[in-house]
């Protein structure tokens, strides 16, 4: 889906809740999401000189009925401004858009600005309500249906999963059965997305404690081999760091400081590659 590629154009982060809600229970105390990291958009003083630029291709002077493609066109316009570092002065560049989209551009940018001001302490339910309220403030029903219907449906489904997972009156098994039943009723593409997310969460949380047979049974032989190699690489790195720290302490306790530092430098070159030495420096700097 196209809107996923616009990280700085993220609507409010509600869809991102899936990464937690699809894979593990959450409580009402922890189901919070941070405010979008999108930079606030402000209009610049009218003394700013407009720079000549070729207008974006317009479909027609009159756009006709509002469709999702118009939102994509606005997103492309914003990305173009960002690439030229002009997004702070966006109001001076609406002339690049078809005339019929220029008024919508103001509504869209003001809506996005309002999203950045939503409190980050709201619950999932409260943020979903805030999102719908803001959409109603800035857009007509026609625009909401064309631009946000898919997103709002996804968010509503996410909210339903959150309500199930945060219901402490249910046992863990009951919550899982209700979640499975909920997911089974979704369109195939959405089911596949959630299943992939669950797999990713499980892998991230538990792969280091699983042996080859467990990894192979769940993810296949090829993935199991790569994961076991990654595990061995991490183990090897941790051991070399431990050996280095131990030998460094011995060297520091012997001879002069200059002699010790020279020997420590030689030890680093023996135990670590050039890139690993940079990683080691960061690690030691955090100790």
C-alpha atoms as a PDB file:
ATOM      1  CA  UNK A   1       0.000   0.000   0.000  1.00  0.00           C
ATOM      2  CA  UNK A   2       1.419   3.286  -1.121  1.00  0.00           C
ATOM      3  CA  UNK A   3       0.947   5.262   2.085  1.00  0.00           C
ATOM      4  CA  UNK A   4       3.442   3.035   3.950  1.00  0.00           C
ATOM      5  CA  UNK A   5       6.355   4.579   2.043  1.00  0.00           C
ATOM      6  CA  UNK A   6       5.636   8.075   3.320  1.00  0.00           C
ATOM      7  CA  UNK A   7       7.226   7.841   6.754  1.00  0.00           C
ATOM      8  CA  UNK A   8       7.272  11.576   7.370  1.00  0.00           C
ATOM      9  CA  UNK A   9       3.702  11.769   6.119  1.00  0.00           C
ATOM     10  CA  UNK A  10       2.457   9.224   8.639  1.00  0.00           C
ATOM     11  CA  UNK A  11      -1.098  10.021   9.597  1.00  0.00           C
ATOM     12  CA  UNK A  12      -1.035   9.392  13.328  1.00  0.00           C
ATOM     13  CA  UNK A  13       0.725   6.135  13.908  1.00  0.00           C
ATOM     14  CA  UNK A  14      -2.401   4.109  14.586  1.00  0.00           C
ATOM     15  CA  UNK A  15      -1.511   1.495  12.003  1.00  0.00           C
ATOM     16  CA  UNK A  16       1.815   1.034  13.713  1.00  0.00           C
ATOM     17  CA  UNK A  17       0.027  -0.373  16.758  1.00  0.00           C
ATOM     18  CA  UNK A  18      -0.461  -3.584  14.801  1.00  0.00           C
ATOM     19  CA  UNK A  19       3.190  -4.506  15.376  1.00  0.00           C
ATOM     20  CA  UNK A  20       2.440  -4.862  19.061  1.00  0.00           C
ATOM     21  CA  UNK A  21      -1.225  -5.781  19.044  1.00  0.00           C
ATOM     22  CA  UNK A  22      -0.934  -8.587  16.519  1.00  0.00           C
ATOM     23  CA  UNK A  23       1.739 -10.416  18.421  1.00  0.00           C
ATOM     24  CA  UNK A  24       1.388 -10.063  22.165  1.00  0.00           C
ATOM     25  CA  UNK A  25      -1.115  -8.991  24.823  1.00  0.00           C
ATOM     26  CA  UNK A  26      -1.129  -5.393  25.952  1.00  0.00           C
ATOM     27  CA  UNK A  27      -2.681  -3.761  28.963  1.00  0.00           C
ATOM     28  CA  UNK A  28      -4.675  -0.535  29.080  1.00  0.00           C
ATOM     29  CA  UNK A  29      -1.793   1.026  31.005  1.00  0.00           C
ATOM     30  CA  UNK A  30       0.798   0.367  28.299  1.00  0.00           C
ATOM     31  CA  UNK A  31      -1.150   0.638  25.059  1.00  0.00           C
ATOM     32  CA  UNK A  32       0.071   4.145  24.273  1.00  0.00           C
ATOM     33  CA  UNK A  33       1.663   5.423  21.092  1.00  0.00           C
ATOM     34  CA  UNK A  34       4.011   8.367  20.625  1.00  0.00           C
ATOM     35  CA  UNK A  35       2.963  11.371  18.598  1.00  0.00           C
ATOM     36  CA  UNK A  36       4.038  11.389  14.958  1.00  0.00           C
ATOM     37  CA  UNK A  37       7.600  12.562  14.485  1.00  0.00           C
ATOM     38  CA  UNK A  38       6.611  14.668  11.521  1.00  0.00           C
ATOM     39  CA  UNK A  39       8.039  18.163  11.733  1.00  0.00           C
ATOM     40  CA  UNK A  40       5.474  20.912  12.380  1.00  0.00           C
ATOM     41  CA  UNK A  41       4.555  22.718   9.189  1.00  0.00           C
ATOM     42  CA  UNK A  42       4.364  26.456   9.395  1.00  0.00           C
ATOM     43  CA  UNK A  43       3.700  29.118   6.828  1.00  0.00           C
ATOM     44  CA  UNK A  44       6.639  31.365   6.048  1.00  0.00           C
ATOM     45  CA  UNK A  45       6.472  35.151   5.915  1.00  0.00           C
ATOM     46  CA  UNK A  46       5.132  36.428   2.607  1.00  0.00           C
ATOM     47  CA  UNK A  47       8.465  38.105   1.897  1.00  0.00           C
ATOM     48  CA  UNK A  48       9.918  34.741   0.829  1.00  0.00           C
ATOM     49  CA  UNK A  49      10.620  34.806  -2.886  1.00  0.00           C
ATOM     50  CA  UNK A  50       8.989  32.049  -4.871  1.00  0.00           C
ATOM     51  CA  UNK A  51      11.520  30.060  -6.826  1.00  0.00           C
ATOM     52  CA  UNK A  52      10.658  29.094 -10.397  1.00  0.00           C
ATOM     53  CA  UNK A  53       9.838  25.441 -10.717  1.00  0.00           C
ATOM     54  CA  UNK A  54       8.021  23.332 -13.231  1.00  0.00           C
ATOM     55  CA  UNK A  55       4.511  22.572 -12.058  1.00  0.00           C
ATOM     56  CA  UNK A  56       3.629  18.984 -11.234  1.00  0.00           C
ATOM     57  CA  UNK A  57       1.724  17.273 -14.038  1.00  0.00           C
ATOM     58  CA  UNK A  58      -1.947  18.036 -13.684  1.00  0.00           C
ATOM     59  CA  UNK A  59      -4.562  15.537 -14.725  1.00  0.00           C
ATOM     60  CA  UNK A  60      -6.920  18.325 -15.731  1.00  0.00           C
ATOM     61  CA  UNK A  61      -7.947  21.814 -14.669  1.00  0.00           C
ATOM     62  CA  UNK A  62     -10.931  20.211 -12.982  1.00  0.00           C
ATOM     63  CA  UNK A  63     -10.171  17.121 -10.903  1.00  0.00           C
ATOM     64  CA  UNK A  64     -13.691  15.759 -10.874  1.00  0.00           C
ATOM     65  CA  UNK A  65     -14.777  13.579  -7.948  1.00  0.00           C
ATOM     66  CA  UNK A  66     -12.235  13.338  -5.139  1.00  0.00           C
ATOM     67  CA  UNK A  67     -10.334  10.039  -5.267  1.00  0.00           C
ATOM     68  CA  UNK A  68      -7.398   8.450  -3.430  1.00  0.00           C
ATOM     69  CA  UNK A  69      -5.086   9.382  -6.316  1.00  0.00           C
ATOM     70  CA  UNK A  70      -5.514  13.046  -5.361  1.00  0.00           C
ATOM     71  CA  UNK A  71      -4.103  12.334  -1.895  1.00  0.00           C
ATOM     72  CA  UNK A  72      -1.196  10.536  -3.541  1.00  0.00           C
ATOM     73  CA  UNK A  73      -0.646  13.601  -5.716  1.00  0.00           C
ATOM     74  CA  UNK A  74      -0.518  15.799  -2.627  1.00  0.00           C
ATOM     75  CA  UNK A  75       1.879  13.376  -0.941  1.00  0.00           C
ATOM     76  CA  UNK A  76       4.158  13.510  -3.985  1.00  0.00           C
ATOM     77  CA  UNK A  77       4.011  17.309  -3.887  1.00  0.00           C
ATOM     78  CA  UNK A  78       5.048  17.290  -0.210  1.00  0.00           C
ATOM     79  CA  UNK A  79       7.890  14.858  -0.903  1.00  0.00           C
ATOM     80  CA  UNK A  80       9.114  17.101  -3.704  1.00  0.00           C
ATOM     81  CA  UNK A  81       9.086  20.099  -1.357  1.00  0.00           C
ATOM     82  CA  UNK A  82      10.942  18.102   1.279  1.00  0.00           C
ATOM     83  CA  UNK A  83      13.624  17.082  -1.213  1.00  0.00           C
ATOM     84  CA  UNK A  84      14.145  20.792  -1.988  1.00  0.00           C
ATOM     85  CA  UNK A  85      13.899  21.765   1.708  1.00  0.00           C
ATOM     86  CA  UNK A  86      10.893  23.923   0.936  1.00  0.00           C
ATOM     87  CA  UNK A  87       8.240  22.183   3.032  1.00  0.00           C
ATOM     88  CA  UNK A  88       8.368  24.856   5.750  1.00  0.00           C
ATOM     89  CA  UNK A  89       7.147  27.336   3.105  1.00  0.00           C
ATOM     90  CA  UNK A  90       4.630  25.003   1.516  1.00  0.00           C
ATOM     91  CA  UNK A  91       1.926  27.681   1.221  1.00  0.00           C
ATOM     92  CA  UNK A  92       4.050  29.480  -1.387  1.00  0.00           C
ATOM     93  CA  UNK A  93       4.185  26.434  -3.637  1.00  0.00           C
ATOM     94  CA  UNK A  94       0.576  25.329  -3.976  1.00  0.00           C
ATOM     95  CA  UNK A  95       0.733  26.793  -7.500  1.00  0.00           C
ATOM     96  CA  UNK A  96       2.571  23.602  -8.483  1.00  0.00           C
ATOM     97  CA  UNK A  97      -0.664  21.688  -7.941  1.00  0.00           C
ATOM     98  CA  UNK A  98      -3.739  21.572 -10.149  1.00  0.00           C
ATOM     99  CA  UNK A  99      -6.065  24.412  -9.231  1.00  0.00           C
ATOM    100  CA  UNK A 100      -8.689  22.017  -7.901  1.00  0.00           C
ATOM    101  CA  UNK A 101      -6.201  20.566  -5.377  1.00  0.00           C
ATOM    102  CA  UNK A 102      -4.847  23.830  -4.007  1.00  0.00           C
ATOM    103  CA  UNK A 103      -7.644  24.348  -1.459  1.00  0.00           C
ATOM    104  CA  UNK A 104      -7.376  20.691  -0.428  1.00  0.00           C
ATOM    105  CA  UNK A 105      -3.636  21.165   0.012  1.00  0.00           C
ATOM    106  CA  UNK A 106      -4.281  23.780   2.709  1.00  0.00           C
ATOM    107  CA  UNK A 107      -6.759  21.488   4.444  1.00  0.00           C
ATOM    108  CA  UNK A 108      -4.354  18.545   4.225  1.00  0.00           C
ATOM    109  CA  UNK A 109      -1.361  20.439   5.591  1.00  0.00           C
ATOM    110  CA  UNK A 110      -3.390  21.954   8.436  1.00  0.00           C
ATOM    111  CA  UNK A 111      -4.723  18.485   9.254  1.00  0.00           C
ATOM    112  CA  UNK A 112      -1.197  17.072   9.353  1.00  0.00           C
ATOM    113  CA  UNK A 113      -0.093  19.920  11.599  1.00  0.00           C
ATOM    114  CA  UNK A 114      -3.005  19.207  13.943  1.00  0.00           C
ATOM    115  CA  UNK A 115      -1.948  15.566  14.149  1.00  0.00           C
ATOM    116  CA  UNK A 116       1.438  16.563  15.559  1.00  0.00           C
ATOM    117  CA  UNK A 117      -0.329  18.346  18.423  1.00  0.00           C
ATOM    118  CA  UNK A 118      -2.288  15.303  19.611  1.00  0.00           C
ATOM    119  CA  UNK A 119      -1.299  14.338  23.156  1.00  0.00           C
ATOM    120  CA  UNK A 120       1.029  11.352  23.320  1.00  0.00           C
ATOM    121  CA  UNK A 121      -0.537  10.056  26.527  1.00  0.00           C
ATOM    122  CA  UNK A 122      -3.828   9.025  24.942  1.00  0.00           C
ATOM    123  CA  UNK A 123      -4.924   5.413  24.831  1.00  0.00           C
ATOM    124  CA  UNK A 124      -5.453   3.593  21.544  1.00  0.00           C
ATOM    125  CA  UNK A 125      -9.195   4.244  21.760  1.00  0.00           C
ATOM    126  CA  UNK A 126      -8.714   7.942  22.544  1.00  0.00           C
ATOM    127  CA  UNK A 127      -6.265   8.419  19.681  1.00  0.00           C
ATOM    128  CA  UNK A 128      -8.592   6.745  17.239  1.00  0.00           C
ATOM    129  CA  UNK A 129     -11.370   9.098  18.328  1.00  0.00           C
ATOM    130  CA  UNK A 130      -9.014  12.070  18.006  1.00  0.00           C
ATOM    131  CA  UNK A 131      -8.069  10.980  14.495  1.00  0.00           C
ATOM    132  CA  UNK A 132     -11.688  10.746  13.396  1.00  0.00           C
ATOM    133  CA  UNK A 133     -12.500  14.093  15.004  1.00  0.00           C
ATOM    134  CA  UNK A 134      -9.683  15.837  13.164  1.00  0.00           C
ATOM    135  CA  UNK A 135     -10.700  14.273   9.865  1.00  0.00           C
ATOM    136  CA  UNK A 136     -14.206  15.639  10.384  1.00  0.00           C
ATOM    137  CA  UNK A 137     -12.840  19.099  11.169  1.00  0.00           C
ATOM    138  CA  UNK A 138     -10.705  19.405   8.054  1.00  0.00           C
ATOM    139  CA  UNK A 139     -12.415  17.324   5.385  1.00  0.00           C
ATOM    140  CA  UNK A 140     -15.821  16.678   3.911  1.00  0.00           C
ATOM    141  CA  UNK A 141     -17.451  13.258   4.113  1.00  0.00           C
ATOM    142  CA  UNK A 142     -16.580  12.770   0.440  1.00  0.00           C
ATOM    143  CA  UNK A 143     -12.866  13.361   1.065  1.00  0.00           C
ATOM    144  CA  UNK A 144     -12.818  11.180   4.184  1.00  0.00           C
ATOM    145  CA  UNK A 145     -14.448   8.304   2.298  1.00  0.00           C
ATOM    146  CA  UNK A 146     -12.007   8.619  -0.620  1.00  0.00           C
ATOM    147  CA  UNK A 147      -8.807   9.220   1.310  1.00  0.00           C
ATOM    148  CA  UNK A 148      -9.159   7.559   4.693  1.00  0.00           C
ATOM    149  CA  UNK A 149     -11.722   4.744   4.429  1.00  0.00           C
ATOM    150  CA  UNK A 150      -9.102   2.002   4.123  1.00  0.00           C
ATOM    151  CA  UNK A 151      -6.934   3.463   6.880  1.00  0.00           C
ATOM    152  CA  UNK A 152      -9.888   3.976   9.211  1.00  0.00           C
ATOM    153  CA  UNK A 153     -11.075   0.418   8.674  1.00  0.00           C
ATOM    154  CA  UNK A 154      -7.601  -0.878   9.482  1.00  0.00           C
ATOM    155  CA  UNK A 155      -7.461   1.303  12.593  1.00  0.00           C
ATOM    156  CA  UNK A 156     -10.889   0.108  13.716  1.00  0.00           C
ATOM    157  CA  UNK A 157      -9.726  -3.489  13.385  1.00  0.00           C
ATOM    158  CA  UNK A 158      -6.567  -2.657  15.334  1.00  0.00           C
ATOM    159  CA  UNK A 159      -8.717  -1.077  18.038  1.00  0.00           C
ATOM    160  CA  UNK A 160     -10.830  -4.225  18.217  1.00  0.00           C
ATOM    161  CA  UNK A 161      -7.703  -6.336  18.738  1.00  0.00           C
ATOM    162  CA  UNK A 162      -6.467  -3.923  21.385  1.00  0.00           C
ATOM    163  CA  UNK A 163      -9.767  -4.181  23.258  1.00  0.00           C
ATOM    164  CA  UNK A 164      -9.522  -7.977  23.253  1.00  0.00           C
ATOM    165  CA  UNK A 165      -5.888  -8.057  24.344  1.00  0.00           C
ATOM    166  CA  UNK A 166      -6.384  -5.464  27.100  1.00  0.00           C
ATOM    167  CA  UNK A 167      -9.411  -7.249  28.608  1.00  0.00           C
ATOM    168  CA  UNK A 168      -7.948  -8.611  31.820  1.00  0.00           C
ATOM    169  CA  UNK A 169     -11.166 -10.511  32.580  1.00  0.00           C
ATOM    170  CA  UNK A 170     -10.215 -12.963  29.829  1.00  0.00           C
ATOM    171  CA  UNK A 171      -7.640 -15.689  30.158  1.00  0.00           C
ATOM    172  CA  UNK A 172      -4.649 -15.620  27.842  1.00  0.00           C
ATOM    173  CA  UNK A 173      -6.080 -18.577  25.922  1.00  0.00           C
ATOM    174  CA  UNK A 174      -9.451 -16.848  25.537  1.00  0.00           C
ATOM    175  CA  UNK A 175      -7.767 -13.681  24.261  1.00  0.00           C
ATOM    176  CA  UNK A 176      -5.772 -15.684  21.754  1.00  0.00           C
ATOM    177  CA  UNK A 177      -8.865 -17.550  20.518  1.00  0.00           C
ATOM    178  CA  UNK A 178     -10.771 -14.287  20.075  1.00  0.00           C
ATOM    179  CA  UNK A 179      -7.822 -12.721  18.244  1.00  0.00           C
ATOM    180  CA  UNK A 180      -7.529 -15.754  15.958  1.00  0.00           C
ATOM    181  CA  UNK A 181     -11.254 -15.579  15.219  1.00  0.00           C
ATOM    182  CA  UNK A 182     -10.971 -11.862  14.497  1.00  0.00           C
ATOM    183  CA  UNK A 183      -8.007 -12.312  12.149  1.00  0.00           C
ATOM    184  CA  UNK A 184      -9.678 -15.183  10.295  1.00  0.00           C
ATOM    185  CA  UNK A 185     -12.460 -12.822   9.164  1.00  0.00           C
ATOM    186  CA  UNK A 186     -10.085 -10.262   7.621  1.00  0.00           C
ATOM    187  CA  UNK A 187      -9.215 -10.041   3.911  1.00  0.00           C
ATOM    188  CA  UNK A 188      -6.369 -12.324   2.864  1.00  0.00           C
ATOM    189  CA  UNK A 189      -3.816  -9.531   2.400  1.00  0.00           C
ATOM    190  CA  UNK A 190      -4.430  -8.209   5.900  1.00  0.00           C
ATOM    191  CA  UNK A 191      -4.292 -11.710   7.397  1.00  0.00           C
ATOM    192  CA  UNK A 192      -0.934 -12.293   5.725  1.00  0.00           C
ATOM    193  CA  UNK A 193       0.394  -8.986   7.066  1.00  0.00           C
ATOM    194  CA  UNK A 194      -0.612  -9.857  10.621  1.00  0.00           C
ATOM    195  CA  UNK A 195       0.752 -13.406  10.417  1.00  0.00           C
ATOM    196  CA  UNK A 196       4.052 -12.051   9.104  1.00  0.00           C
ATOM    197  CA  UNK A 197       4.112  -9.566  11.983  1.00  0.00           C
ATOM    198  CA  UNK A 198       3.477 -12.301  14.536  1.00  0.00           C
ATOM    199  CA  UNK A 199       6.323 -14.325  13.047  1.00  0.00           C
ATOM    200  CA  UNK A 200       8.640 -11.313  13.215  1.00  0.00           C
ATOM    201  CA  UNK A 201       7.755 -10.585  16.841  1.00  0.00           C
ATOM    202  CA  UNK A 202       8.306 -14.225  17.848  1.00  0.00           C
ATOM    203  CA  UNK A 203      11.600 -14.342  15.982  1.00  0.00           C
ATOM    204  CA  UNK A 204      12.846 -11.075  17.496  1.00  0.00           C
ATOM    205  CA  UNK A 205      11.928 -12.068  21.030  1.00  0.00           C
ATOM    206  CA  UNK A 206      13.000 -15.699  21.158  1.00  0.00           C
ATOM    207  CA  UNK A 207      15.406 -16.729  18.394  1.00  0.00           C
ATOM    208  CA  UNK A 208      18.504 -16.464  20.587  1.00  0.00           C
ATOM    209  CA  UNK A 209      17.117 -19.017  23.040  1.00  0.00           C
ATOM    210  CA  UNK A 210      16.022 -21.515  20.362  1.00  0.00           C
ATOM    211  CA  UNK A 211      18.218 -24.347  19.086  1.00  0.00           C
ATOM    212  CA  UNK A 212      18.651 -25.362  15.450  1.00  0.00           C
ATOM    213  CA  UNK A 213      15.822 -27.907  15.469  1.00  0.00           C
ATOM    214  CA  UNK A 214      13.374 -25.404  16.922  1.00  0.00           C
ATOM    215  CA  UNK A 215      14.372 -22.734  14.444  1.00  0.00           C
ATOM    216  CA  UNK A 216      14.248 -25.164  11.533  1.00  0.00           C
ATOM    217  CA  UNK A 217      10.786 -26.421  12.485  1.00  0.00           C
ATOM    218  CA  UNK A 218       9.404 -22.895  12.652  1.00  0.00           C
ATOM    219  CA  UNK A 219      11.327 -21.005   9.959  1.00  0.00           C
ATOM    220  CA  UNK A 220      12.926 -23.632   7.707  1.00  0.00           C
ATOM    221  CA  UNK A 221      16.458 -25.019   7.351  1.00  0.00           C
ATOM    222  CA  UNK A 222      17.900 -22.093   5.417  1.00  0.00           C
ATOM    223  CA  UNK A 223      16.701 -19.507   7.919  1.00  0.00           C
ATOM    224  CA  UNK A 224      17.782 -21.721  10.820  1.00  0.00           C
ATOM    225  CA  UNK A 225      21.322 -21.922   9.429  1.00  0.00           C
ATOM    226  CA  UNK A 226      21.554 -18.152   9.050  1.00  0.00           C
ATOM    227  CA  UNK A 227      20.188 -17.580  12.532  1.00  0.00           C
ATOM    228  CA  UNK A 228      22.553 -20.084  14.087  1.00  0.00           C
ATOM    229  CA  UNK A 229      25.450 -18.409  12.285  1.00  0.00           C
ATOM    230  CA  UNK A 230      24.297 -15.019  13.582  1.00  0.00           C
ATOM    231  CA  UNK A 231      24.051 -16.459  17.085  1.00  0.00           C
ATOM    232  CA  UNK A 232      27.577 -17.861  16.823  1.00  0.00           C
ATOM    233  CA  UNK A 233      28.868 -14.522  15.534  1.00  0.00           C
ATOM    234  CA  UNK A 234      27.336 -12.735  18.523  1.00  0.00           C
ATOM    235  CA  UNK A 235      28.783 -15.297  20.918  1.00  0.00           C
ATOM    236  CA  UNK A 236      32.214 -14.981  19.337  1.00  0.00           C
ATOM    237  CA  UNK A 237      32.081 -11.184  19.534  1.00  0.00           C
ATOM    238  CA  UNK A 238      31.065 -11.228  23.195  1.00  0.00           C
ATOM    239  CA  UNK A 239      33.892 -13.624  24.031  1.00  0.00           C
ATOM    240  CA  UNK A 240      36.527 -11.538  22.242  1.00  0.00           C
ATOM    241  CA  UNK A 241      35.323  -8.383  23.985  1.00  0.00           C
ATOM    242  CA  UNK A 242      35.538 -10.146  27.348  1.00  0.00           C
ATOM    243  CA  UNK A 243      39.054 -11.403  26.551  1.00  0.00           C
ATOM    244  CA  UNK A 244      40.118  -7.949  25.443  1.00  0.00           C
ATOM    245  CA  UNK A 245      38.853  -6.278  28.603  1.00  0.00           C
ATOM    246  CA  UNK A 246      40.618  -8.839  30.775  1.00  0.00           C
ATOM    247  CA  UNK A 247      43.943  -8.505  28.936  1.00  0.00           C
ATOM    248  CA  UNK A 248      43.649  -4.712  28.858  1.00  0.00           C
ATOM    249  CA  UNK A 249      43.347  -4.603  32.635  1.00  0.00           C
ATOM    250  CA  UNK A 250      46.513  -6.676  32.941  1.00  0.00           C
ATOM    251  CA  UNK A 251      48.403  -4.393  30.530  1.00  0.00           C
ATOM    252  CA  UNK A 252      47.275  -1.259  32.333  1.00  0.00           C
ATOM    253  CA  UNK A 253      48.628  -2.674  35.567  1.00  0.00           C
ATOM    254  CA  UNK A 254      52.028  -3.259  33.987  1.00  0.00           C
ATOM    255  CA  UNK A 255      54.665  -0.733  32.902  1.00  0.00           C
ATOM    256  CA  UNK A 256      54.207   2.900  31.946  1.00  0.00           C
ATOM    257  CA  UNK A 257      51.037   4.348  30.492  1.00  0.00           C
ATOM    258  CA  UNK A 258      52.582   4.914  27.061  1.00  0.00           C
ATOM    259  CA  UNK A 259      53.878   1.347  26.891  1.00  0.00           C
ATOM    260  CA  UNK A 260      50.541  -0.030  28.045  1.00  0.00           C
ATOM    261  CA  UNK A 261      48.596   1.997  25.456  1.00  0.00           C
ATOM    262  CA  UNK A 262      50.868   0.752  22.680  1.00  0.00           C
ATOM    263  CA  UNK A 263      50.337  -2.842  23.748  1.00  0.00           C
ATOM    264  CA  UNK A 264      46.573  -2.282  24.055  1.00  0.00           C
ATOM    265  CA  UNK A 265      46.481  -0.876  20.516  1.00  0.00           C
ATOM    266  CA  UNK A 266      48.352  -3.952  19.281  1.00  0.00           C
ATOM    267  CA  UNK A 267      45.914  -6.185  21.173  1.00  0.00           C
ATOM    268  CA  UNK A 268      42.950  -4.481  19.504  1.00  0.00           C
ATOM    269  CA  UNK A 269      44.458  -5.062  16.072  1.00  0.00           C
ATOM    270  CA  UNK A 270      45.040  -8.726  16.918  1.00  0.00           C
ATOM    271  CA  UNK A 271      41.516  -9.420  18.192  1.00  0.00           C
ATOM    272  CA  UNK A 272      39.392  -7.140  15.993  1.00  0.00           C
ATOM    273  CA  UNK A 273      39.067  -6.024  12.392  1.00  0.00           C
ATOM    274  CA  UNK A 274      39.118  -2.328  11.521  1.00  0.00           C
ATOM    275  CA  UNK A 275      35.334  -2.074  11.550  1.00  0.00           C
ATOM    276  CA  UNK A 276      35.144  -4.074  14.764  1.00  0.00           C
ATOM    277  CA  UNK A 277      37.598  -1.675  16.403  1.00  0.00           C
ATOM    278  CA  UNK A 278      35.167   1.176  15.671  1.00  0.00           C
ATOM    279  CA  UNK A 279      32.353  -0.865  17.180  1.00  0.00           C
ATOM    280  CA  UNK A 280      34.565  -1.635  20.175  1.00  0.00           C
ATOM    281  CA  UNK A 281      35.305   2.063  20.697  1.00  0.00           C
ATOM    282  CA  UNK A 282      31.564   2.794  20.825  1.00  0.00           C
ATOM    283  CA  UNK A 283      31.003  -0.098  23.211  1.00  0.00           C
ATOM    284  CA  UNK A 284      33.792   1.035  25.547  1.00  0.00           C
ATOM    285  CA  UNK A 285      32.532   4.596  25.377  1.00  0.00           C
ATOM    286  CA  UNK A 286      29.174   3.422  26.757  1.00  0.00           C
ATOM    287  CA  UNK A 287      30.737   1.452  29.629  1.00  0.00           C
END
